[in-house]
């Protein structure tokens, strides 16, 4: 996966968010708030993990079955792709 848009991850006062920067600011109206799991997925993407590795990480970290983790990870990454932030 590749991050396509200029965004930075920040955690402020317990809130995890992606903040558009550079040319991306004009494209989006505001920030993207995310859950703790979303933040872990984002950080794994930044670190170069593929979807399978992220599913394994989330499944292990949150002690959920692989199918549930796979569905959740896919849904989150689909949304990032929909916004044009990430490409598979």
N, C-alpha and C. Protein backbone atom coordinates (compact mmCIF):
# COMPACT_ATOMS: atom_id res chain seq x y z
N UNK A 1 0.84 -1.18 0.00
CA UNK A 1 0.00 0.00 0.00
C UNK A 1 0.88 1.23 0.00
N UNK A 2 0.33 2.27 -0.55
CA UNK A 2 1.08 3.52 -0.65
C UNK A 2 0.19 4.67 -0.18
N UNK A 3 0.75 5.54 0.63
CA UNK A 3 0.03 6.74 1.05
C UNK A 3 0.18 7.76 -0.08
N UNK A 4 -0.95 8.24 -0.59
CA UNK A 4 -0.95 9.12 -1.75
C UNK A 4 -1.07 10.60 -1.40
N UNK A 5 -1.73 10.91 -0.34
CA UNK A 5 -2.02 12.30 0.00
C UNK A 5 -1.14 12.76 1.16
N UNK A 6 -0.98 14.06 1.23
CA UNK A 6 -0.19 14.63 2.31
C UNK A 6 -1.08 14.77 3.55
N UNK A 7 -0.88 13.84 4.48
CA UNK A 7 -1.58 13.89 5.76
C UNK A 7 -0.59 13.49 6.84
N UNK A 8 -0.82 14.01 8.03
CA UNK A 8 0.01 13.62 9.17
C UNK A 8 -0.90 13.04 10.24
N UNK A 9 -0.39 12.05 10.94
CA UNK A 9 -1.11 11.44 12.04
C UNK A 9 -0.74 12.18 13.32
N UNK A 10 -1.74 12.50 14.12
CA UNK A 10 -1.51 13.12 15.42
C UNK A 10 -2.47 12.52 16.43
N UNK A 11 -1.98 12.40 17.65
CA UNK A 11 -2.81 12.00 18.77
C UNK A 11 -2.77 13.15 19.77
N UNK A 12 -3.91 13.81 19.96
CA UNK A 12 -3.99 14.99 20.82
C UNK A 12 -5.09 14.77 21.84
N UNK A 13 -4.74 14.86 23.11
CA UNK A 13 -5.71 14.70 24.19
C UNK A 13 -6.53 13.42 24.03
N UNK A 14 -5.87 12.35 23.62
CA UNK A 14 -6.53 11.06 23.48
C UNK A 14 -7.31 10.88 22.20
N UNK A 15 -7.33 11.88 21.33
CA UNK A 15 -8.02 11.80 20.04
C UNK A 15 -7.00 11.53 18.95
N UNK A 16 -7.25 10.50 18.14
CA UNK A 16 -6.38 10.16 17.02
C UNK A 16 -6.96 10.76 15.75
N UNK A 17 -6.10 11.40 14.96
CA UNK A 17 -6.59 12.05 13.76
C UNK A 17 -5.56 12.10 12.66
N UNK A 18 -6.06 12.17 11.44
CA UNK A 18 -5.24 12.46 10.27
C UNK A 18 -5.54 13.90 9.88
N UNK A 19 -4.49 14.66 9.70
CA UNK A 19 -4.64 16.08 9.40
C UNK A 19 -4.06 16.35 8.01
N UNK A 20 -4.86 16.88 7.09
CA UNK A 20 -4.34 17.21 5.77
C UNK A 20 -3.31 18.33 5.88
N UNK A 21 -2.24 18.23 5.08
CA UNK A 21 -1.22 19.27 5.03
C UNK A 21 -0.87 19.52 3.56
N UNK A 22 -0.13 20.59 3.33
CA UNK A 22 0.30 20.91 1.96
C UNK A 22 -0.89 21.10 1.04
N UNK A 23 -0.77 20.60 -0.18
CA UNK A 23 -1.83 20.76 -1.18
C UNK A 23 -3.11 20.02 -0.80
N UNK A 24 -2.99 19.05 0.07
CA UNK A 24 -4.15 18.26 0.48
C UNK A 24 -5.14 19.07 1.31
N UNK A 25 -4.69 20.14 1.97
CA UNK A 25 -5.57 20.95 2.81
C UNK A 25 -6.77 21.45 2.03
N UNK A 26 -6.56 21.92 0.82
CA UNK A 26 -7.66 22.45 0.01
C UNK A 26 -8.62 21.39 -0.48
N UNK A 27 -8.19 20.16 -0.47
CA UNK A 27 -9.00 19.06 -0.98
C UNK A 27 -10.01 18.54 0.06
N UNK A 28 -9.66 18.66 1.33
CA UNK A 28 -10.51 18.13 2.39
C UNK A 28 -10.92 19.25 3.33
N UNK A 29 -12.13 19.16 3.83
CA UNK A 29 -12.65 20.16 4.73
C UNK A 29 -12.58 19.62 6.15
N UNK A 30 -11.44 19.75 6.80
CA UNK A 30 -11.31 19.29 8.17
C UNK A 30 -10.34 18.14 8.31
N UNK A 31 -10.47 17.48 9.45
CA UNK A 31 -9.57 16.38 9.79
C UNK A 31 -10.34 15.07 9.80
N UNK A 32 -9.60 13.97 9.83
CA UNK A 32 -10.20 12.64 9.90
C UNK A 32 -9.93 12.10 11.30
N UNK A 33 -10.98 11.90 12.06
CA UNK A 33 -10.86 11.34 13.39
C UNK A 33 -10.92 9.82 13.28
N UNK A 34 -10.17 9.12 14.13
CA UNK A 34 -10.19 7.66 14.06
C UNK A 34 -10.06 7.04 15.44
N UNK A 35 -10.47 5.80 15.52
CA UNK A 35 -10.40 5.03 16.75
C UNK A 35 -8.97 4.58 17.01
N UNK A 36 -8.78 3.96 18.14
CA UNK A 36 -7.47 3.39 18.48
C UNK A 36 -7.05 2.34 17.46
N UNK A 37 -8.00 1.52 17.03
CA UNK A 37 -7.70 0.49 16.04
C UNK A 37 -7.34 1.14 14.71
N UNK A 38 -8.09 2.16 14.32
CA UNK A 38 -7.78 2.89 13.09
C UNK A 38 -6.38 3.48 13.14
N UNK A 39 -6.01 4.02 14.29
CA UNK A 39 -4.68 4.59 14.45
C UNK A 39 -3.60 3.52 14.29
N UNK A 40 -3.85 2.33 14.84
CA UNK A 40 -2.88 1.23 14.69
C UNK A 40 -2.76 0.80 13.25
N UNK A 41 -3.89 0.74 12.55
CA UNK A 41 -3.86 0.38 11.14
C UNK A 41 -3.08 1.42 10.35
N UNK A 42 -3.36 2.70 10.61
CA UNK A 42 -2.65 3.78 9.91
C UNK A 42 -1.14 3.68 10.13
N UNK A 43 -0.74 3.50 11.38
CA UNK A 43 0.68 3.43 11.68
C UNK A 43 1.33 2.23 11.01
N UNK A 44 0.60 1.12 10.91
CA UNK A 44 1.13 -0.05 10.21
C UNK A 44 1.30 0.25 8.72
N UNK A 45 0.35 0.98 8.14
CA UNK A 45 0.48 1.37 6.73
C UNK A 45 1.72 2.25 6.56
N UNK A 46 1.88 3.22 7.45
CA UNK A 46 3.06 4.10 7.39
C UNK A 46 4.36 3.31 7.48
N UNK A 47 4.35 2.22 8.24
CA UNK A 47 5.55 1.41 8.43
C UNK A 47 5.76 0.39 7.31
N UNK A 48 4.87 0.42 6.30
CA UNK A 48 5.06 -0.43 5.14
C UNK A 48 4.44 -1.81 5.23
N UNK A 49 3.58 -2.03 6.22
CA UNK A 49 2.93 -3.34 6.35
C UNK A 49 1.91 -3.54 5.24
N UNK A 50 1.73 -4.79 4.83
CA UNK A 50 0.68 -5.10 3.86
C UNK A 50 -0.59 -5.48 4.63
N UNK A 51 -1.68 -5.69 3.89
CA UNK A 51 -2.96 -5.97 4.54
C UNK A 51 -2.92 -7.22 5.41
N UNK A 52 -2.28 -8.26 4.94
CA UNK A 52 -2.19 -9.51 5.71
C UNK A 52 -1.46 -9.27 7.03
N UNK A 53 -0.37 -8.53 6.99
CA UNK A 53 0.38 -8.23 8.21
C UNK A 53 -0.46 -7.40 9.17
N UNK A 54 -1.23 -6.47 8.63
CA UNK A 54 -2.08 -5.63 9.48
C UNK A 54 -3.18 -6.47 10.12
N UNK A 55 -3.79 -7.35 9.35
CA UNK A 55 -4.81 -8.25 9.90
C UNK A 55 -4.23 -9.07 11.03
N UNK A 56 -3.05 -9.64 10.83
CA UNK A 56 -2.41 -10.44 11.87
C UNK A 56 -2.13 -9.59 13.12
N UNK A 57 -1.68 -8.36 12.92
CA UNK A 57 -1.40 -7.45 14.04
C UNK A 57 -2.67 -7.16 14.83
N UNK A 58 -3.73 -6.78 14.14
CA UNK A 58 -4.99 -6.42 14.80
C UNK A 58 -5.61 -7.64 15.49
N UNK A 59 -5.57 -8.78 14.82
CA UNK A 59 -6.11 -10.01 15.39
C UNK A 59 -5.39 -10.37 16.69
N UNK A 60 -4.09 -10.26 16.67
CA UNK A 60 -3.28 -10.58 17.85
C UNK A 60 -3.44 -9.54 18.96
N UNK A 61 -3.35 -8.27 18.58
CA UNK A 61 -3.39 -7.18 19.56
C UNK A 61 -4.73 -7.11 20.30
N UNK A 62 -5.82 -7.35 19.58
CA UNK A 62 -7.14 -7.20 20.17
C UNK A 62 -7.83 -8.53 20.44
N UNK A 63 -7.10 -9.62 20.24
CA UNK A 63 -7.60 -10.95 20.53
C UNK A 63 -8.96 -11.21 19.89
N UNK A 64 -9.03 -10.92 18.59
CA UNK A 64 -10.24 -11.21 17.82
C UNK A 64 -9.89 -12.21 16.72
N UNK A 65 -10.91 -12.87 16.21
CA UNK A 65 -10.64 -13.88 15.18
C UNK A 65 -10.19 -13.20 13.89
N UNK A 66 -9.50 -13.96 13.09
CA UNK A 66 -8.89 -13.45 11.86
C UNK A 66 -9.93 -12.91 10.88
N UNK A 67 -11.09 -13.56 10.78
CA UNK A 67 -12.12 -13.10 9.85
C UNK A 67 -12.66 -11.73 10.24
N UNK A 68 -12.87 -11.52 11.53
CA UNK A 68 -13.35 -10.22 12.00
C UNK A 68 -12.29 -9.15 11.76
N UNK A 69 -11.04 -9.46 12.09
CA UNK A 69 -9.95 -8.52 11.87
C UNK A 69 -9.83 -8.19 10.39
N UNK A 70 -9.94 -9.19 9.54
CA UNK A 70 -9.81 -8.99 8.09
C UNK A 70 -10.91 -8.06 7.59
N UNK A 71 -12.14 -8.28 8.04
CA UNK A 71 -13.26 -7.44 7.61
C UNK A 71 -13.08 -6.00 8.08
N UNK A 72 -12.65 -5.82 9.33
CA UNK A 72 -12.46 -4.48 9.87
C UNK A 72 -11.32 -3.74 9.17
N UNK A 73 -10.22 -4.43 8.96
CA UNK A 73 -9.06 -3.82 8.29
C UNK A 73 -9.44 -3.45 6.86
N UNK A 74 -10.12 -4.37 6.17
CA UNK A 74 -10.53 -4.09 4.79
C UNK A 74 -11.45 -2.88 4.73
N UNK A 75 -12.40 -2.80 5.63
CA UNK A 75 -13.33 -1.67 5.66
C UNK A 75 -12.60 -0.35 5.86
N UNK A 76 -11.65 -0.33 6.80
CA UNK A 76 -10.90 0.90 7.08
C UNK A 76 -10.05 1.30 5.87
N UNK A 77 -9.35 0.33 5.30
CA UNK A 77 -8.49 0.64 4.15
C UNK A 77 -9.33 1.03 2.93
N UNK A 78 -10.48 0.39 2.76
CA UNK A 78 -11.40 0.78 1.67
C UNK A 78 -11.78 2.24 1.80
N UNK A 79 -12.05 2.68 3.02
CA UNK A 79 -12.45 4.08 3.25
C UNK A 79 -11.28 5.03 2.92
N UNK A 80 -10.07 4.66 3.32
CA UNK A 80 -8.91 5.48 2.99
C UNK A 80 -8.71 5.55 1.48
N UNK A 81 -8.94 4.44 0.79
CA UNK A 81 -8.83 4.40 -0.67
C UNK A 81 -9.91 5.27 -1.30
N UNK A 82 -11.12 5.20 -0.75
CA UNK A 82 -12.23 5.99 -1.26
C UNK A 82 -11.92 7.48 -1.18
N UNK A 83 -11.27 7.91 -0.10
CA UNK A 83 -10.90 9.31 0.04
C UNK A 83 -9.64 9.67 -0.75
N UNK A 84 -9.02 8.65 -1.36
CA UNK A 84 -7.82 8.91 -2.16
C UNK A 84 -6.57 9.12 -1.33
N UNK A 85 -6.60 8.72 -0.07
CA UNK A 85 -5.46 8.92 0.81
C UNK A 85 -4.44 7.80 0.65
N UNK A 86 -4.94 6.60 0.38
CA UNK A 86 -4.10 5.40 0.26
C UNK A 86 -4.47 4.70 -1.04
N UNK A 87 -3.50 4.04 -1.65
CA UNK A 87 -3.79 3.15 -2.77
C UNK A 87 -3.22 1.79 -2.48
N UNK A 88 -3.93 0.79 -2.95
CA UNK A 88 -3.48 -0.59 -2.73
C UNK A 88 -2.40 -0.95 -3.72
